[in-house]
N, C-alpha and C. Protein backbone atom coordinates (compact mmCIF):
# COMPACT_ATOMS: atom_id res chain seq x y z
N MET A 1 28.24 -7.96 18.24
CA MET A 1 27.27 -9.04 18.24
C MET A 1 26.07 -8.73 19.12
N ASP A 2 26.23 -7.86 20.11
CA ASP A 2 25.10 -7.50 20.96
C ASP A 2 24.05 -6.71 20.18
N VAL A 3 24.50 -6.02 19.15
CA VAL A 3 23.57 -5.22 18.35
C VAL A 3 22.59 -6.13 17.61
N LEU A 4 23.06 -7.32 17.21
CA LEU A 4 22.17 -8.24 16.50
C LEU A 4 21.01 -8.69 17.37
N GLY A 5 21.23 -8.76 18.67
CA GLY A 5 20.15 -9.12 19.58
C GLY A 5 19.04 -8.09 19.60
N ILE A 6 19.34 -6.87 19.20
CA ILE A 6 18.33 -5.80 19.11
C ILE A 6 17.79 -5.69 17.69
N LEU A 7 18.68 -5.74 16.71
CA LEU A 7 18.27 -5.51 15.32
C LEU A 7 17.38 -6.63 14.77
N ILE A 8 17.65 -7.86 15.12
CA ILE A 8 16.85 -8.96 14.58
C ILE A 8 15.40 -8.89 15.07
N PRO A 9 15.13 -8.74 16.36
CA PRO A 9 13.72 -8.61 16.77
C PRO A 9 13.04 -7.35 16.22
N VAL A 10 13.77 -6.25 16.14
CA VAL A 10 13.18 -5.02 15.59
C VAL A 10 12.83 -5.22 14.12
N SER A 11 13.71 -5.85 13.36
CA SER A 11 13.43 -6.06 11.94
C SER A 11 12.27 -7.05 11.75
N LEU A 12 12.20 -8.08 12.59
CA LEU A 12 11.06 -9.00 12.51
C LEU A 12 9.76 -8.30 12.86
N PHE A 13 9.78 -7.45 13.86
CA PHE A 13 8.59 -6.70 14.25
C PHE A 13 8.14 -5.77 13.12
N LEU A 14 9.07 -5.04 12.52
CA LEU A 14 8.71 -4.13 11.44
C LEU A 14 8.20 -4.90 10.22
N GLY A 15 8.79 -6.06 9.94
CA GLY A 15 8.31 -6.88 8.84
C GLY A 15 6.89 -7.37 9.07
N LEU A 16 6.59 -7.78 10.31
CA LEU A 16 5.24 -8.23 10.63
C LEU A 16 4.24 -7.08 10.58
N VAL A 17 4.66 -5.89 10.99
CA VAL A 17 3.78 -4.72 10.90
C VAL A 17 3.48 -4.41 9.43
N GLY A 18 4.51 -4.45 8.58
CA GLY A 18 4.31 -4.20 7.15
C GLY A 18 3.41 -5.24 6.52
N LEU A 19 3.59 -6.50 6.89
CA LEU A 19 2.76 -7.56 6.37
C LEU A 19 1.31 -7.40 6.84
N GLY A 20 1.13 -7.02 8.08
CA GLY A 20 -0.21 -6.78 8.60
C GLY A 20 -0.90 -5.64 7.87
N ILE A 21 -0.17 -4.56 7.60
CA ILE A 21 -0.75 -3.43 6.86
C ILE A 21 -1.10 -3.85 5.44
N PHE A 22 -0.24 -4.67 4.82
CA PHE A 22 -0.52 -5.15 3.47
C PHE A 22 -1.81 -5.97 3.43
N PHE A 23 -1.99 -6.90 4.38
CA PHE A 23 -3.21 -7.70 4.40
C PHE A 23 -4.43 -6.86 4.75
N TRP A 24 -4.25 -5.84 5.59
CA TRP A 24 -5.35 -4.94 5.91
C TRP A 24 -5.79 -4.18 4.66
N MET A 25 -4.81 -3.74 3.86
CA MET A 25 -5.15 -3.04 2.63
C MET A 25 -5.80 -3.97 1.61
N LEU A 26 -5.38 -5.22 1.56
CA LEU A 26 -6.05 -6.19 0.69
C LEU A 26 -7.50 -6.38 1.09
N LYS A 27 -7.74 -6.45 2.39
CA LYS A 27 -9.09 -6.65 2.90
C LYS A 27 -9.99 -5.46 2.57
N ARG A 28 -9.43 -4.26 2.58
CA ARG A 28 -10.21 -3.05 2.29
C ARG A 28 -10.40 -2.82 0.80
N GLY A 29 -9.78 -3.64 -0.06
CA GLY A 29 -9.98 -3.52 -1.50
C GLY A 29 -9.09 -2.50 -2.18
N GLN A 30 -7.96 -2.20 -1.60
CA GLN A 30 -7.06 -1.18 -2.15
C GLN A 30 -6.50 -1.60 -3.51
N PHE A 31 -6.32 -2.89 -3.73
CA PHE A 31 -5.67 -3.37 -4.94
C PHE A 31 -6.64 -4.07 -5.89
N ASP A 32 -7.93 -3.79 -5.79
CA ASP A 32 -8.90 -4.48 -6.62
C ASP A 32 -8.81 -4.09 -8.08
N ASP A 33 -8.54 -2.84 -8.40
CA ASP A 33 -8.52 -2.37 -9.79
C ASP A 33 -7.27 -1.53 -10.04
N PRO A 34 -6.10 -2.17 -10.14
CA PRO A 34 -4.88 -1.38 -10.33
C PRO A 34 -4.79 -0.73 -11.71
N GLU A 35 -5.45 -1.30 -12.70
CA GLU A 35 -5.38 -0.74 -14.06
C GLU A 35 -6.44 0.32 -14.30
N GLY A 36 -7.42 0.43 -13.44
CA GLY A 36 -8.53 1.35 -13.66
C GLY A 36 -8.10 2.80 -13.75
N ASP A 37 -7.27 3.25 -12.83
CA ASP A 37 -6.82 4.64 -12.86
C ASP A 37 -5.94 4.91 -14.08
N ALA A 38 -5.15 3.96 -14.48
CA ALA A 38 -4.28 4.15 -15.64
C ALA A 38 -5.11 4.36 -16.91
N HIS A 39 -6.21 3.64 -17.04
CA HIS A 39 -7.05 3.79 -18.22
C HIS A 39 -8.01 4.98 -18.09
N ARG A 40 -8.43 5.26 -16.88
CA ARG A 40 -9.39 6.35 -16.65
C ARG A 40 -8.78 7.71 -16.99
N ILE A 41 -7.49 7.89 -16.73
CA ILE A 41 -6.87 9.20 -16.96
C ILE A 41 -6.73 9.48 -18.46
N LEU A 42 -6.77 8.45 -19.29
CA LEU A 42 -6.63 8.65 -20.73
C LEU A 42 -7.94 8.98 -21.42
N ARG A 43 -9.05 8.86 -20.72
CA ARG A 43 -10.35 9.14 -21.32
C ARG A 43 -10.55 10.64 -21.51
N GLU A 44 -11.36 10.99 -22.48
CA GLU A 44 -11.62 12.40 -22.80
C GLU A 44 -12.37 13.11 -21.68
N ASP A 45 -13.28 12.41 -21.02
CA ASP A 45 -14.12 13.06 -20.01
C ASP A 45 -13.52 13.04 -18.62
N TYR A 46 -12.22 12.71 -18.51
CA TYR A 46 -11.57 12.68 -17.21
C TYR A 46 -11.37 14.11 -16.68
N ASP A 47 -11.73 14.34 -15.44
CA ASP A 47 -11.59 15.65 -14.82
C ASP A 47 -10.73 15.50 -13.57
N ASP A 48 -9.50 16.01 -13.64
CA ASP A 48 -8.61 15.85 -12.49
C ASP A 48 -8.84 16.92 -11.42
N HIS A 49 -9.72 17.88 -11.69
CA HIS A 49 -10.08 18.90 -10.71
C HIS A 49 -11.61 18.96 -10.61
N PRO A 50 -12.22 17.94 -10.02
CA PRO A 50 -13.68 17.95 -9.94
C PRO A 50 -14.19 19.08 -9.03
N LYS A 51 -15.38 19.55 -9.35
CA LYS A 51 -15.98 20.61 -8.54
C LYS A 51 -16.52 20.01 -7.25
N SER A 52 -16.22 20.65 -6.13
CA SER A 52 -16.67 20.13 -4.83
C SER A 52 -18.10 20.50 -4.55
């Protein structure tokens, strides 16, 4: 039972960190166009090795 005193706060902390990262990614626009890449790769002019 002493282990639960450690595991519960650690799991809550990790959950809050994950939630914070998720909201940070939402704010940066990471999930704005989830279908765009799926459709873009099917186009004829798609180049997966662009010249630098």
